[in-house]
Amino acid sequence: MKLLRYIANSWGNLGTIALLSKAWERYVIDRKRFRSGIYRTVPDIAIRCAIPSENQKVFASEAGRPFRICYLTHCFFPDKSGGTERFVLNLAKEQQRAGNDVRIITLGKRDIHCYHHRVQNILYENFEYEGLPVTQLRYQRTPRGLYYDAFLDEEPSMAAFAQIILDEYHFDLIHAAYPQPFAAFLKVCRMQKVPYLVTTTDFNVMCHYSTLVNKSGQFCISSNKGAQCRKDCKTYGLKDPLKRYQKASELLWGAGYITAPSEFVARVLAPEFDKLPILVVPHGISKDFHPTCNRIQTRRFVYAGTLSGLKGVHLLLEAFHKISGNDLILDIYGDGDAKYISQLKALAKGDSRIVFHGGISNSEIAQVYQNSDCVIVPSIWFETYNFVLREALACGCLVVASEIGAMPEAMAEGRNGFLFPVGNVTALQEAIEKAIGFDWNLYLQASFPRISDEAARYEALYRKLLTGEKFHAENQRHYSGI
């Protein structure tokens, strides 16, 4: 019955053709894109772009008057809890503690009867989540391509919604943590000279799949201004990839500041948009994540996160099976697609060392890391930041991680973790065996910015933005790409 209600709600939201297209992408195309057994060459992005160090020196400014901030994100708690959602939650809470007024605006897919306000084709509802004001909206019938595919900056309902919201709340600035579905909202901001900042938490501004993996399952680090997307990754929701690139570029260059959580993301995106100036502002790690013991051996391993093929959990189970040692334990925490979880449990069958715990709350995860020795992150796609890896390191764990995306820049190879080539089960096995034999006297404790540090850097940017100071004009002449 629950599945039928979900299908009926999705059909009402998307329509028949769009719903069938999404189902085809998820159950056919994505399975091909992320199939196991395929050899993927990871592109070297190190030489794509130089990120000058002076562009990353953002210091906290002196306190000024409180201001009104609107955060835009594609999803939010309690409906979804991923990395972008955590970033917005943490940052909004810190700004609220600092005395600023905040509101989060997010898309939703709840039943149509859950929304009691309407603007043209948009339904919306206000509520609070952990003390934060939230406005969740959904379309009565979603425009083609709104979810991830297209930048619909002329969409009339979103423009009308933006006008009502701006008139009601008089925001001083907008912080778009996921700008794509809000293209029309941000265009209204540009027209009314409401300043906005964009944080690129993934690659959606250049890739409608957000993953930089094409339909053949190969990595792709340039859209070639949309031409490569048109050639390799046609989809129902995206009529014109060239126009998508143009609209994304207008949105980005219209921002006062653009930030990324890692150097990796900045190096990929900057040259894609004509040497776009991007500030690297790492996500903050909660103070809950800290070492509580001195480890002397590596016996308890952990995987924590979404259980999906993208995360490579099946590769971890294959590798762990090949390692001897009855005193080893692999704890698996997380939820995901029921069919994939069944496949994982079938892979783990007969190995009592592997324990599935299901989902776990954010308040419990720090203790899991503190009671473990090594956390494994076997992702097969570009991680733009990865909270799990950094939180585990902050707790004093070893990490074993795929050598891809933003993960290597957080580690000291051989001192607090080991890297292995993406998707290589044998190399993953060898990396785990290195962790088992690790001499803990050599461990190097990692240090990361705290959530309060991240919030202070963003508050400094907000204040600069409100004085009319923009990163594009201020620093573009200093920016150099290769």
Protein backbone atom coordinates (compact mmCIF):
# COMPACT_ATOMS: atom_id res chain seq x y z
CA MET A 1 0.00 0.00 0.00
CA LYS A 2 2.84 2.39 0.87
CA LEU A 3 4.51 1.68 -2.49
CA LEU A 4 1.25 2.32 -4.33
CA ARG A 5 0.81 5.66 -2.57
CA TYR A 6 4.39 6.59 -3.46
CA ILE A 7 3.83 5.71 -7.13
CA ALA A 8 0.55 7.61 -7.22
CA ASN A 9 2.13 10.68 -5.63
CA SER A 10 5.10 10.56 -8.02
CA TRP A 11 2.78 10.18 -11.00
CA GLY A 12 0.77 13.21 -9.89
CA ASN A 13 3.96 15.21 -9.39
CA LEU A 14 5.86 14.28 -12.54
CA GLY A 15 3.31 12.99 -15.05
CA THR A 16 3.41 9.72 -16.98
CA ILE A 17 6.26 10.39 -19.41
CA ALA A 18 8.58 12.03 -16.88
CA LEU A 19 7.90 9.29 -14.31
CA LEU A 20 8.67 6.55 -16.83
CA SER A 21 11.80 8.44 -17.88
CA LYS A 22 13.01 8.69 -14.27
CA ALA A 23 12.32 5.00 -13.74
CA TRP A 24 14.26 4.13 -16.92
CA GLU A 25 17.21 6.25 -15.79
CA ARG A 26 17.26 4.71 -12.32
CA TYR A 27 16.66 1.05 -13.07
CA VAL A 28 18.29 0.71 -16.50
CA ILE A 29 20.76 3.53 -17.19
CA ASP A 30 22.13 3.83 -13.65
CA ARG A 31 22.66 0.09 -13.38
CA LYS A 32 24.70 0.25 -16.56
CA ARG A 33 26.61 3.35 -15.43
CA PHE A 34 27.60 1.92 -12.07
CA ARG A 35 27.87 -1.76 -12.94
CA SER A 36 30.64 -3.74 -11.32
CA GLY A 37 33.38 -5.32 -13.37
CA ILE A 38 33.90 -2.30 -15.62
CA TYR A 39 37.39 -0.78 -15.85
CA ARG A 40 37.29 2.96 -15.19
CA THR A 41 40.24 5.26 -15.69
CA VAL A 42 40.20 8.05 -13.13
CA PRO A 43 41.12 11.34 -14.84
CA ASP A 44 43.95 13.37 -13.36
CA ILE A 45 42.47 16.74 -12.50
CA ALA A 46 45.56 18.07 -10.72
CA ILE A 47 46.72 20.10 -13.72
CA ARG A 48 43.31 21.35 -14.81
CA CYS A 49 43.39 24.43 -12.71
CA ALA A 50 45.53 26.22 -10.16
CA ILE A 51 43.62 27.41 -7.09
CA PRO A 52 45.68 30.34 -5.76
CA SER A 53 46.22 30.31 -2.02
CA GLU A 54 45.35 33.98 -1.58
CA ASN A 55 41.84 33.26 -2.80
CA GLN A 56 41.28 30.89 0.09
CA LYS A 57 42.14 33.27 2.94
CA VAL A 58 38.70 34.13 4.25
CA PHE A 59 38.84 35.38 7.81
CA ALA A 60 36.06 36.06 10.28
CA SER A 61 34.97 39.67 10.26
CA GLU A 62 33.98 41.89 13.13
CA ALA A 63 30.41 41.50 14.30
CA GLY A 64 27.88 43.79 12.68
CA ARG A 65 24.13 44.05 12.60
CA PRO A 66 22.18 40.78 12.36
CA PHE A 67 20.95 39.92 8.91
CA ARG A 68 18.30 37.77 7.25
CA ILE A 69 19.59 34.75 5.34
CA CYS A 70 17.69 32.41 3.03
CA TYR A 71 19.20 28.99 2.31
CA LEU A 72 18.12 27.18 -0.87
CA THR A 73 18.59 23.42 -1.09
CA HIS A 74 17.08 20.67 -3.21
CA CYS A 75 16.31 18.45 -0.18
CA PHE A 76 16.28 18.81 3.57
CA PHE A 77 15.51 17.06 6.83
CA PRO A 78 13.46 15.20 7.85
CA ASP A 79 12.69 13.99 4.32
CA LYS A 80 16.31 13.42 3.31
CA SER A 81 19.61 13.43 5.18
CA GLY A 82 22.69 13.60 2.97
CA GLY A 83 25.87 15.66 2.96
CA THR A 84 24.30 18.81 1.49
CA GLU A 85 21.46 18.63 4.01
CA ARG A 86 23.93 18.35 6.90
CA PHE A 87 25.92 21.29 5.55
CA VAL A 88 22.81 23.50 5.44
CA LEU A 89 21.58 22.30 8.84
CA ASN A 90 24.90 22.96 10.56
CA LEU A 91 25.46 26.33 8.92
CA ALA A 92 21.91 27.59 9.51
CA LYS A 93 22.06 26.61 13.18
CA GLU A 94 25.35 28.43 13.67
CA GLN A 95 24.04 31.57 11.98
CA GLN A 96 20.91 31.41 14.11
CA ARG A 97 23.07 31.13 17.25
CA ALA A 98 24.97 34.21 16.09
CA GLY A 99 21.71 36.17 16.16
CA ASN A 100 20.92 36.12 12.45
CA ASP A 101 17.47 35.31 11.09
CA VAL A 102 17.50 32.25 8.84
CA ARG A 103 15.01 30.39 6.70
CA ILE A 104 15.55 27.24 4.65
CA ILE A 105 13.65 26.78 1.39
CA THR A 106 13.65 23.28 -0.04
CA LEU A 107 11.87 21.08 -2.52
CA GLY A 108 9.67 18.26 -1.28
CA LYS A 109 7.69 15.34 -2.62
CA ARG A 110 5.12 14.84 0.11
CA ASP A 111 1.51 14.09 -0.64
CA ILE A 112 -0.24 17.05 -2.18
CA HIS A 113 -2.58 17.38 0.82
CA CYS A 114 0.38 18.25 3.09
CA TYR A 115 0.69 21.71 1.55
CA HIS A 116 -1.72 24.52 2.41
CA HIS A 117 -0.36 27.48 0.43
CA ARG A 118 -0.25 27.94 -3.31
CA VAL A 119 1.41 30.18 -5.88
CA GLN A 120 0.38 29.27 -9.43
CA ASN A 121 1.71 25.71 -9.96
CA ILE A 122 3.65 25.63 -6.67
CA LEU A 123 2.31 24.34 -3.36
CA TYR A 124 4.22 25.10 -0.17
CA GLU A 125 4.11 24.68 3.59
CA ASN A 126 6.02 26.18 6.51
CA PHE A 127 7.32 24.17 9.45
CA GLU A 128 10.25 23.99 11.85
CA TYR A 129 13.04 21.45 12.01
CA GLU A 130 15.20 21.52 15.14
CA GLY A 131 14.24 25.13 15.69
CA LEU A 132 14.96 26.23 12.11
CA PRO A 133 12.17 27.76 9.99
CA VAL A 134 11.68 25.72 6.81
CA THR A 135 9.53 26.35 3.75
CA GLN A 136 9.05 23.22 1.67
CA LEU A 137 7.59 23.50 -1.81
CA ARG A 138 6.49 21.09 -4.48
CA TYR A 139 4.93 21.54 -7.86
CA GLN A 140 1.44 20.31 -8.49
CA ARG A 141 2.89 19.15 -11.81
CA THR A 142 6.67 19.45 -11.99
CA PRO A 143 8.09 21.14 -15.10
CA ARG A 144 10.13 18.91 -17.36
CA GLY A 145 13.73 18.78 -16.21
CA LEU A 146 13.31 20.61 -12.88
CA TYR A 147 14.87 17.78 -10.88
CA TYR A 148 18.60 17.95 -11.72
CA ASP A 149 18.33 18.16 -15.50
CA ALA A 150 17.66 21.74 -16.63
CA PHE A 151 18.21 25.31 -15.42
CA LEU A 152 14.68 26.67 -15.89
CA ASP A 153 15.33 30.34 -15.17
CA GLU A 154 12.16 31.43 -16.99
CA GLU A 155 9.84 29.09 -15.03
CA PRO A 156 6.91 31.39 -14.10
CA SER A 157 5.68 29.64 -10.95
CA MET A 158 9.12 29.64 -9.32
CA ALA A 159 9.57 33.30 -10.27
CA ALA A 160 6.20 34.18 -8.72
CA PHE A 161 7.05 32.17 -5.61
CA ALA A 162 10.39 33.98 -5.31
CA GLN A 163 8.66 37.35 -5.53
CA ILE A 164 6.23 36.46 -2.74
CA ILE A 165 9.00 35.08 -0.51
CA LEU A 166 11.29 38.07 -1.05
CA ASP A 167 8.45 40.51 -0.38
CA GLU A 168 7.41 38.68 2.80
CA TYR A 169 10.79 38.04 4.42
CA HIS A 170 13.00 40.85 3.05
CA PHE A 171 16.13 38.70 3.00
CA ASP A 172 19.46 40.48 2.99
CA LEU A 173 21.09 37.67 1.03
CA ILE A 174 20.50 34.22 -0.42
CA HIS A 175 22.83 31.24 0.04
CA ALA A 176 22.14 28.62 -2.63
CA ALA A 177 23.50 25.27 -1.46
CA TYR A 178 21.95 23.57 -4.50
CA PRO A 179 21.10 26.21 -7.10
CA GLN A 180 19.85 24.21 -10.11
CA PRO A 181 16.11 23.83 -9.27
CA PHE A 182 16.04 27.45 -8.08
CA ALA A 183 17.34 29.02 -11.30
CA ALA A 184 14.22 31.18 -11.71
CA PHE A 185 14.33 32.20 -8.04
CA LEU A 186 17.94 33.35 -8.39
CA LYS A 187 17.17 35.17 -11.62
CA VAL A 188 14.57 37.21 -9.71
CA CYS A 189 17.29 37.92 -7.14
CA ARG A 190 19.60 39.21 -9.86
CA MET A 191 16.86 41.42 -11.29
CA GLN A 192 16.08 42.87 -7.85
CA LYS A 193 19.75 43.10 -6.86
CA VAL A 194 19.38 40.72 -3.92
CA PRO A 195 22.92 39.34 -3.49
CA TYR A 196 23.45 35.61 -3.45
CA LEU A 197 26.24 33.15 -2.81
CA VAL A 198 26.48 29.67 -4.36
CA THR A 199 28.05 26.60 -2.76
CA THR A 200 28.77 23.78 -5.20
CA THR A 201 28.23 20.72 -3.03
CA ASP A 202 28.35 18.44 -6.07
CA PHE A 203 28.85 18.72 -9.84
CA ASN A 204 25.26 19.36 -10.88
CA VAL A 205 26.07 22.80 -12.29
CA MET A 206 28.06 21.07 -15.06
CA CYS A 207 26.63 17.52 -15.09
CA HIS A 208 22.91 16.75 -15.04
CA TYR A 209 23.77 13.37 -13.50
CA SER A 210 25.79 15.21 -10.81
CA THR A 211 28.33 12.37 -10.70
CA LEU A 212 30.63 13.00 -13.70
CA VAL A 213 29.93 9.45 -14.86
CA ASN A 214 28.48 9.12 -18.36
CA LYS A 215 25.97 6.58 -19.65
CA SER A 216 28.76 4.16 -20.55
CA GLY A 217 29.99 4.15 -16.98
CA GLN A 218 33.16 6.13 -17.68
CA PHE A 219 34.33 9.21 -15.80
CA CYS A 220 33.89 12.55 -17.55
CA ILE A 221 35.34 15.80 -16.18
CA SER A 222 34.23 18.27 -18.83
CA SER A 223 30.88 18.98 -20.45
CA ASN A 224 32.64 20.94 -23.20
CA LYS A 225 30.02 23.64 -22.66
CA GLY A 226 27.26 21.06 -23.02
CA ALA A 227 28.48 19.45 -26.24
CA GLN A 228 29.79 16.33 -24.48
CA CYS A 229 26.51 15.91 -22.60
CA ARG A 230 24.57 16.14 -25.86
CA LYS A 231 26.79 13.47 -27.37
CA ASP A 232 27.00 10.97 -24.49
CA CYS A 233 24.17 11.57 -22.02
CA LYS A 234 20.88 12.43 -23.67
CA THR A 235 17.90 12.29 -21.33
CA TYR A 236 14.21 13.19 -21.48
CA GLY A 237 14.48 15.95 -18.90
CA LEU A 238 17.17 17.88 -20.77
CA LYS A 239 16.18 19.23 -24.16
CA ASP A 240 19.27 21.33 -24.85
CA PRO A 241 22.57 20.68 -22.98
CA LEU A 242 24.17 23.73 -24.63
CA LYS A 243 21.45 25.97 -23.22
CA ARG A 244 21.82 24.28 -19.83
CA TYR A 245 25.49 25.22 -19.77
CA GLN A 246 24.69 28.81 -20.76
CA LYS A 247 22.05 29.18 -18.03
CA ALA A 248 24.29 27.58 -15.40
CA SER A 249 27.11 29.94 -16.37
CA GLU A 250 24.83 32.98 -16.05
CA LEU A 251 23.70 31.82 -12.61
CA LEU A 252 27.26 31.25 -11.38
CA TRP A 253 28.71 34.47 -12.73
CA GLY A 254 25.76 36.33 -11.22
CA ALA A 255 26.73 35.17 -7.73
CA GLY A 256 28.71 37.42 -5.44
CA TYR A 257 30.79 34.48 -4.23
CA ILE A 258 31.11 30.83 -5.19
CA THR A 259 32.44 28.29 -2.74
CA ALA A 260 33.33 24.60 -2.84
CA PRO A 261 33.94 22.19 0.06
CA SER A 262 37.20 20.85 -1.40
CA GLU A 263 40.04 21.75 -3.73
CA PHE A 264 39.01 18.85 -5.92
CA VAL A 265 35.60 20.38 -6.66
CA ALA A 266 37.13 23.79 -7.33
CA ARG A 267 39.71 22.33 -9.73
CA VAL A 268 37.02 20.55 -11.73
CA LEU A 269 34.50 23.38 -11.94
CA ALA A 270 36.69 26.47 -12.35
CA PRO A 271 38.05 25.73 -15.85
CA GLU A 272 34.64 24.43 -16.97
CA PHE A 273 33.22 27.94 -16.59
CA ASP A 274 36.01 30.09 -18.02
CA LYS A 275 38.27 30.18 -14.95
CA LEU A 276 35.42 30.83 -12.54
CA PRO A 277 36.84 32.11 -9.23
CA ILE A 278 35.97 29.62 -6.50
CA LEU A 279 36.77 29.83 -2.80
CA VAL A 280 37.47 26.58 -0.98
CA VAL A 281 35.59 26.56 2.33
CA PRO A 282 35.72 23.05 3.84
CA HIS A 283 32.67 21.78 5.67
CA GLY A 284 33.03 21.94 9.42
CA ILE A 285 33.25 18.85 11.62
CA SER A 286 31.28 18.71 14.86
CA LYS A 287 33.14 18.81 18.18
CA ASP A 288 31.48 15.47 18.96
CA PHE A 289 34.07 13.85 16.72
CA HIS A 290 37.30 13.58 18.71
CA PRO A 291 39.64 10.80 19.89
CA THR A 292 38.67 9.05 23.13
CA CYS A 293 41.25 6.25 23.33
CA ASN A 294 44.73 5.17 22.27
CA ARG A 295 44.46 2.30 19.84
CA ILE A 296 47.09 -0.45 19.77
CA GLN A 297 45.76 -2.74 17.03
CA THR A 298 43.32 -2.73 14.10
CA ARG A 299 40.55 -5.28 14.52
CA ARG A 300 37.18 -3.51 14.29
CA PHE A 301 36.29 -2.13 10.85
CA VAL A 302 33.29 0.03 9.97
CA TYR A 303 31.35 1.11 6.92
CA ALA A 304 28.89 3.93 7.63
CA GLY A 305 26.68 5.63 5.07
CA THR A 306 24.20 4.98 2.31
CA LEU A 307 24.09 1.39 1.13
CA SER A 308 24.25 1.77 -2.64
CA GLY A 309 26.30 0.57 -5.57
CA LEU A 310 27.80 4.05 -5.90
CA LYS A 311 29.35 3.63 -2.47
CA GLY A 312 31.02 0.34 -3.41
CA VAL A 313 29.82 -1.64 -0.38
CA HIS A 314 29.68 -4.86 -2.42
CA LEU A 315 33.39 -4.42 -3.22
CA LEU A 316 34.14 -4.11 0.48
CA LEU A 317 32.36 -7.38 1.26
CA GLU A 318 34.19 -9.19 -1.55
CA ALA A 319 37.55 -7.93 -0.24
CA PHE A 320 36.78 -8.64 3.41
CA HIS A 321 35.83 -12.25 2.61
CA LYS A 322 39.37 -12.83 1.35
CA ILE A 323 41.01 -11.71 4.59
CA SER A 324 41.63 -14.27 7.31
CA GLY A 325 41.26 -13.55 11.01
CA ASN A 326 38.45 -14.71 13.26
CA ASP A 327 39.02 -11.75 15.58
CA LEU A 328 38.17 -9.22 12.85
CA ILE A 329 34.78 -7.49 12.77
CA LEU A 330 33.13 -5.47 10.00
CA ASP A 331 30.20 -3.38 11.22
CA ILE A 332 27.93 -1.98 8.52
CA TYR A 333 25.68 0.98 9.34
CA GLY A 334 23.24 2.54 6.91
CA ASP A 335 20.08 2.22 4.88
CA GLY A 336 19.47 2.08 1.17
CA ASP A 337 17.67 0.33 -1.64
CA ALA A 338 16.08 -2.87 -0.29
CA LYS A 339 17.16 -4.95 -3.28
CA TYR A 340 20.79 -3.85 -2.97
CA ILE A 341 20.77 -4.56 0.77
CA SER A 342 19.48 -8.06 0.05
CA GLN A 343 22.35 -8.56 -2.38
CA LEU A 344 24.82 -7.39 0.27
CA LYS A 345 23.42 -9.76 2.87
CA ALA A 346 23.66 -12.61 0.37
CA LEU A 347 27.32 -11.72 -0.20
CA ALA A 348 27.95 -11.67 3.55
CA LYS A 349 26.14 -14.94 4.22
CA GLY A 350 28.29 -17.41 6.13
CA ASP A 351 30.72 -14.79 7.45
CA SER A 352 29.77 -14.12 11.07
CA ARG A 353 32.36 -11.33 11.25
CA ILE A 354 30.12 -9.08 9.12
CA VAL A 355 27.27 -7.44 11.04
CA PHE A 356 24.49 -5.29 9.55
CA HIS A 357 23.14 -2.74 12.03
CA GLY A 358 20.75 -0.73 9.84
CA GLY A 359 20.49 3.03 9.99
CA ILE A 360 21.94 5.10 12.78
CA SER A 361 21.24 8.64 13.97
CA ASN A 362 23.76 11.45 13.65
CA SER A 363 23.94 11.66 17.44
CA GLU A 364 25.21 8.05 17.65
CA ILE A 365 27.74 7.92 14.85
CA ALA A 366 30.61 9.61 16.73
CA GLN A 367 30.57 6.86 19.35
CA VAL A 368 30.63 4.23 16.61
CA TYR A 369 33.85 5.71 15.21
CA GLN A 370 35.36 6.13 18.67
CA ASN A 371 34.76 2.44 19.39
CA SER A 372 36.23 1.34 16.05
CA ASP A 373 39.74 1.11 14.63
CA CYS A 374 39.35 1.63 10.89
CA VAL A 375 36.61 3.13 8.72
CA ILE A 376 36.40 2.05 5.07
CA VAL A 377 35.08 4.29 2.26
CA PRO A 378 35.14 2.25 -1.00
CA SER A 379 33.23 4.72 -3.21
CA ILE A 380 33.34 4.22 -6.97
CA TRP A 381 32.52 7.82 -7.88
CA PHE A 382 33.92 11.28 -7.18
CA GLU A 383 33.29 12.19 -3.55
CA THR A 384 33.15 15.98 -3.34
CA TYR A 385 33.97 16.04 0.38
CA ASN A 386 32.84 12.97 2.38
CA PHE A 387 31.89 13.65 5.98
CA VAL A 388 32.38 10.02 7.01
CA LEU A 389 36.08 9.95 6.16
CA ARG A 390 36.86 13.23 7.91
CA GLU A 391 34.74 12.49 10.97
CA ALA A 392 36.44 9.11 11.34
CA LEU A 393 39.88 10.72 11.11
CA ALA A 394 38.83 13.33 13.65
CA CYS A 395 37.98 10.45 16.02
CA GLY A 396 41.47 9.01 15.63
CA CYS A 397 40.56 6.12 13.32
CA LEU A 398 42.52 4.78 10.41
CA VAL A 399 40.73 5.08 7.08
CA VAL A 400 40.88 2.96 3.96
CA ALA A 401 39.49 4.88 1.00
CA SER A 402 39.24 4.90 -2.77
CA GLU A 403 41.84 7.13 -4.38
CA ILE A 404 39.31 9.43 -5.95
CA GLY A 405 37.72 12.82 -5.54
CA ALA A 406 38.29 14.88 -2.41
CA MET A 407 39.23 11.98 -0.14
CA PRO A 408 43.01 11.88 -0.71
CA GLU A 409 43.42 15.56 0.24
CA ALA A 410 42.18 14.78 3.79
CA MET A 411 44.57 11.88 4.44
CA ALA A 412 48.24 11.29 5.16
CA GLU A 413 48.97 8.09 3.25
CA GLY A 414 50.58 5.50 5.49
CA ARG A 415 50.20 7.67 8.62
CA ASN A 416 46.45 7.69 9.16
CA GLY A 417 45.09 5.76 6.22
CA PHE A 418 45.58 3.86 3.01
CA LEU A 419 44.30 4.54 -0.51
CA PHE A 420 43.49 2.03 -3.22
CA PRO A 421 42.53 2.32 -6.93
CA VAL A 422 38.80 2.73 -7.50
CA GLY A 423 36.86 -0.52 -7.88
CA ASN A 424 39.91 -2.77 -7.46
CA VAL A 425 38.89 -5.50 -5.00
CA THR A 426 42.40 -6.96 -4.74
CA ALA A 427 43.89 -3.54 -3.97
CA LEU A 428 41.14 -2.92 -1.40
CA GLN A 429 42.00 -6.23 0.26
CA GLU A 430 45.67 -5.25 0.37
CA ALA A 431 44.83 -1.84 1.86
CA ILE A 432 42.77 -3.47 4.61
CA GLU A 433 45.65 -5.86 5.32
CA LYS A 434 47.98 -2.85 5.63
CA ALA A 435 45.57 -1.38 8.16
CA ILE A 436 45.58 -4.65 10.12
CA GLY A 437 49.38 -4.55 10.31
CA PHE A 438 49.59 -0.81 11.05
CA ASP A 439 51.92 0.36 13.84
CA TRP A 440 49.78 2.76 15.86
CA ASN A 441 52.87 4.48 17.23
CA LEU A 442 53.16 6.08 13.77
CA TYR A 443 49.59 7.42 13.71
CA LEU A 444 49.20 11.06 12.69
CA GLN A 445 46.12 12.73 14.15
CA ALA A 446 44.27 14.79 11.53
CA SER A 447 42.78 18.19 12.25
CA PHE A 448 39.79 19.74 10.48
CA PRO A 449 37.86 23.01 10.78
CA ARG A 450 34.97 22.85 13.22
CA ILE A 451 31.42 23.84 12.31
CA SER A 452 31.93 27.15 14.12
CA ASP A 453 35.03 27.83 11.98
CA GLU A 454 33.08 27.18 8.79
CA ALA A 455 30.23 29.41 9.96
CA ALA A 456 32.65 32.23 10.79
CA ARG A 457 34.14 32.07 7.29
CA TYR A 458 30.70 32.21 5.71
CA GLU A 459 29.60 35.05 7.96
CA ALA A 460 32.66 36.97 6.78
CA LEU A 461 31.60 36.37 3.19
CA TYR A 462 28.04 37.44 3.97
CA ARG A 463 29.24 40.72 5.42
CA LYS A 464 31.53 41.35 2.46
CA LEU A 465 28.63 40.61 0.12
CA LEU A 466 26.35 43.06 1.93
CA THR A 467 28.92 45.83 1.56
CA GLY A 468 28.92 45.27 -2.19
CA GLU A 469 32.29 43.52 -2.25
CA LYS A 470 32.25 40.59 -4.66
CA PHE A 471 34.81 37.87 -5.14
CA HIS A 472 34.50 37.98 -8.93
CA ALA A 473 35.48 41.62 -9.24
CA GLU A 474 37.89 41.53 -6.32
CA ASN A 475 39.95 38.49 -7.21
CA GLN A 476 39.40 37.53 -10.83
CA ARG A 477 42.55 39.34 -11.94
CA HIS A 478 44.56 37.17 -9.50
CA TYR A 479 43.08 33.94 -10.77
CA SER A 480 45.23 31.78 -13.01
CA GLY A 481 44.30 28.51 -14.64
CA ILE A 482 46.32 26.02 -16.63
